C-alpha cells in the first residue's frame, strides 16, 4: 500500500499543478468542483490531453460549477471533450441553495484529492492515497450533483 502524502499549497499556480496531478492519478472517476474554473488552466492543451486520455479509457468525468459561463464560452477544449465524450462526461451547475459552498476541490477514485480552503484563498492541500478524506469529499460532491442541473447544450445549432 502506498503511503499517505499531504502537500500544502500556497498559491493558484501550485493548486493548478496539483489539479493536474490528481487528474493524472485518476483511473476510474474524477469529480471537479469550482466556482467557475477561471484561471485554472482548463483550456490548456496539456489539461485537455490529460482529460482526453482519461476519458478514452472509458472513465467518468463530472464537472460541477456555481457558474458554467467560463467553461462554455472560454474553454473550447473542454466543450470539445463534452461533445466527444457526452456519455462519460457531464458539466452541471449547482443549485441556488448550494451557492454558500465555497470550498473548491477535485477527487480522483475516492483516493486522491486537492482542495482549497475557499474560492478567494489560494492556499490548499494536495492529498494522495487518503481514501478516508477523499470519500468524504466525493460524498459531498455527489450530494451537490444530485440537486444540480445541466444548462449546457452539447451540440451547436445553426442554419
Protein backbone atom coordinates (compact mmCIF):
# COMPACT_ATOMS: atom_id res chain seq x y z
CA UNK A 1 0.00 0.00 0.00
CA UNK A 2 1.27 3.45 -0.89
CA UNK A 3 1.80 5.90 1.94
CA UNK A 4 -0.46 8.84 2.61
CA UNK A 5 1.03 12.06 1.26
CA UNK A 6 -0.19 15.59 2.08
CA UNK A 7 1.34 18.64 0.41
CA UNK A 8 0.36 22.16 1.42
CA UNK A 9 -0.24 24.56 -1.46
CA UNK A 10 0.48 28.27 -1.22
CA UNK A 11 -0.88 29.72 -4.45
CA UNK A 12 -3.08 29.31 -7.50
CA UNK A 13 -0.19 28.07 -9.66
CA UNK A 14 0.53 25.30 -7.13
CA UNK A 15 -3.17 24.49 -6.97
CA UNK A 16 -3.40 24.27 -10.79
CA UNK A 17 -0.37 21.94 -10.82
CA UNK A 18 -2.00 19.85 -8.10
CA UNK A 19 -5.17 19.61 -10.20
CA UNK A 20 -3.02 18.15 -12.99
CA UNK A 21 -1.50 15.68 -10.53
CA UNK A 22 -4.90 14.48 -9.32
CA UNK A 23 -6.26 14.29 -12.89
CA UNK A 24 -3.28 12.13 -13.91
CA UNK A 25 -3.82 9.87 -10.87
CA UNK A 26 -7.46 9.17 -11.81
CA UNK A 27 -8.14 5.70 -13.21
CA UNK A 28 -11.96 5.50 -12.97
CA UNK A 29 -13.81 8.55 -11.63
CA UNK A 30 -12.91 12.21 -11.47
CA UNK A 31 -15.03 14.84 -9.70
CA UNK A 32 -14.24 18.55 -10.09
CA UNK A 33 -15.98 21.37 -8.22
CA UNK A 34 -15.12 25.07 -8.60
CA UNK A 35 -16.83 28.42 -8.55
CA UNK A 36 -16.26 28.95 -12.28
CA UNK A 37 -12.87 27.32 -13.26
CA UNK A 38 -11.42 30.66 -14.41
CA UNK A 39 -7.63 30.90 -14.21
CA UNK A 40 -7.02 27.21 -13.51
CA UNK A 41 -5.81 26.02 -16.93
CA UNK A 42 -8.90 24.19 -18.11
CA UNK A 43 -8.42 25.37 -21.67
CA UNK A 44 -4.72 24.47 -21.80
CA UNK A 45 -3.56 21.86 -24.27
CA UNK A 46 -1.90 19.82 -21.50
CA UNK A 47 -5.05 19.64 -19.35
CA UNK A 48 -7.12 18.84 -22.44
CA UNK A 49 -4.82 15.95 -23.32
CA UNK A 50 -4.81 14.62 -19.74
CA UNK A 51 -8.61 14.65 -19.58
CA UNK A 52 -8.92 13.26 -23.10
CA UNK A 53 -6.68 10.28 -22.27
CA UNK A 54 -8.65 9.72 -19.08
CA UNK A 55 -11.95 9.69 -20.99
CA UNK A 56 -10.56 7.48 -23.79
CA UNK A 57 -10.02 4.86 -21.10
CA UNK A 58 -13.78 4.63 -20.59
CA UNK A 59 -13.67 6.60 -17.35
CA UNK A 60 -16.16 9.06 -15.88
CA UNK A 61 -15.67 12.83 -15.51
CA UNK A 62 -18.11 15.02 -13.55
CA UNK A 63 -17.63 18.79 -13.51
CA UNK A 64 -19.68 20.97 -11.18
CA UNK A 65 -19.59 24.78 -11.01
CA UNK A 66 -21.55 27.57 -9.42
CA UNK A 67 -21.21 29.39 -12.75
CA UNK A 68 -20.61 27.46 -16.01
CA UNK A 69 -20.24 30.55 -18.23
CA UNK A 70 -16.42 30.45 -18.27
CA UNK A 71 -16.36 26.80 -19.30
CA UNK A 72 -18.94 27.21 -22.04
CA UNK A 73 -17.61 30.42 -23.56
CA UNK A 74 -13.84 30.49 -22.94
CA UNK A 75 -12.88 26.81 -22.79
CA UNK A 76 -13.45 25.35 -26.26
CA UNK A 77 -11.25 22.36 -25.42
CA UNK A 78 -13.50 21.40 -22.51
CA UNK A 79 -16.53 21.77 -24.76
CA UNK A 80 -14.87 19.55 -27.41
CA UNK A 81 -14.38 16.89 -24.75
CA UNK A 82 -18.02 17.20 -23.70
CA UNK A 83 -19.22 16.77 -27.28
CA UNK A 84 -16.89 13.82 -27.92
CA UNK A 85 -17.48 12.03 -24.60
CA UNK A 86 -21.03 13.01 -23.68
CA UNK A 87 -21.74 9.51 -22.34
CA UNK A 88 -18.83 9.64 -19.85
CA UNK A 89 -18.58 13.35 -19.10
CA UNK A 90 -21.05 15.87 -17.74
CA UNK A 91 -20.94 19.51 -16.67
CA UNK A 92 -23.57 20.83 -14.30
CA UNK A 93 -24.35 23.99 -12.43
CA UNK A 94 -25.02 23.90 -8.71
CA UNK A 95 -28.46 24.69 -7.39
CA UNK A 96 -29.03 28.15 -5.92
CA UNK A 97 -29.32 26.78 -2.39
CA UNK A 98 -25.72 25.49 -2.72
CA UNK A 99 -24.08 28.83 -3.50
CA UNK A 100 -22.93 29.05 0.12
CA UNK A 101 -20.47 26.18 -0.54
CA UNK A 102 -17.13 27.93 -1.08
CA UNK A 103 -14.52 25.17 -0.84
CA UNK A 104 -13.39 24.01 -4.31
CA UNK A 105 -11.97 20.52 -4.75
CA UNK A 106 -11.15 17.67 -7.10
CA UNK A 107 -11.37 13.97 -6.18
CA UNK A 108 -9.96 11.01 -8.12
CA UNK A 109 -11.14 7.46 -7.49
CA UNK A 110 -12.12 8.14 -3.86
CA UNK A 111 -8.39 8.06 -3.09
CA UNK A 112 -6.68 11.30 -4.13
CA UNK A 113 -7.85 14.90 -3.87
CA UNK A 114 -6.87 18.52 -3.99
CA UNK A 115 -8.82 21.30 -2.33
CA UNK A 116 -8.58 24.95 -1.49
CA UNK A 117 -9.86 26.38 1.75
CA UNK A 118 -12.06 28.98 0.00
CA UNK A 119 -12.66 30.28 -3.52
CA UNK A 120 -10.87 33.50 -2.56
CA UNK A 121 -7.96 31.79 -0.80
CA UNK A 122 -5.15 30.43 -2.98
CA UNK A 123 -3.90 28.11 -0.22
CA UNK A 124 -4.85 24.47 -0.33
CA UNK A 125 -3.93 20.85 0.15
CA UNK A 126 -2.95 18.05 -2.22
CA UNK A 127 -3.61 14.61 -0.75
CA UNK A 128 -2.51 11.37 -2.37
CA UNK A 129 -3.56 7.99 -1.01
CA UNK A 130 -6.01 9.46 1.50
CA UNK A 131 -9.20 7.44 0.88
CA UNK A 132 -10.92 8.44 4.13
CA UNK A 133 -10.97 12.17 3.36
CA UNK A 134 -11.33 11.61 -0.40
CA UNK A 135 -14.50 9.58 0.19
CA UNK A 136 -15.92 12.37 2.34
CA UNK A 137 -15.33 14.90 -0.43
CA UNK A 138 -16.73 12.52 -3.06
CA UNK A 139 -19.88 12.10 -0.96
CA UNK A 140 -20.22 15.86 -0.67
CA UNK A 141 -19.77 16.16 -4.42
CA UNK A 142 -22.45 13.56 -5.17
CA UNK A 143 -24.88 15.26 -2.81
CA UNK A 144 -24.33 18.54 -4.65
CA UNK A 145 -24.51 16.74 -8.01
CA UNK A 146 -27.93 15.24 -7.29
CA UNK A 147 -29.52 18.67 -6.89
CA UNK A 148 -27.57 20.37 -9.68
CA UNK A 149 -28.74 20.85 -13.24
CA UNK A 150 -27.29 20.89 -16.71
CA UNK A 151 -27.62 24.11 -18.66
CA UNK A 152 -25.04 23.36 -21.34
CA UNK A 153 -26.06 22.40 -24.86
CA UNK A 154 -23.84 19.63 -26.22
CA UNK A 155 -24.40 20.44 -29.88
CA UNK A 156 -24.25 23.74 -31.68
CA UNK A 157 -27.36 24.51 -33.68
CA UNK A 158 -27.28 26.71 -36.74
CA UNK A 159 -28.80 27.23 -40.13
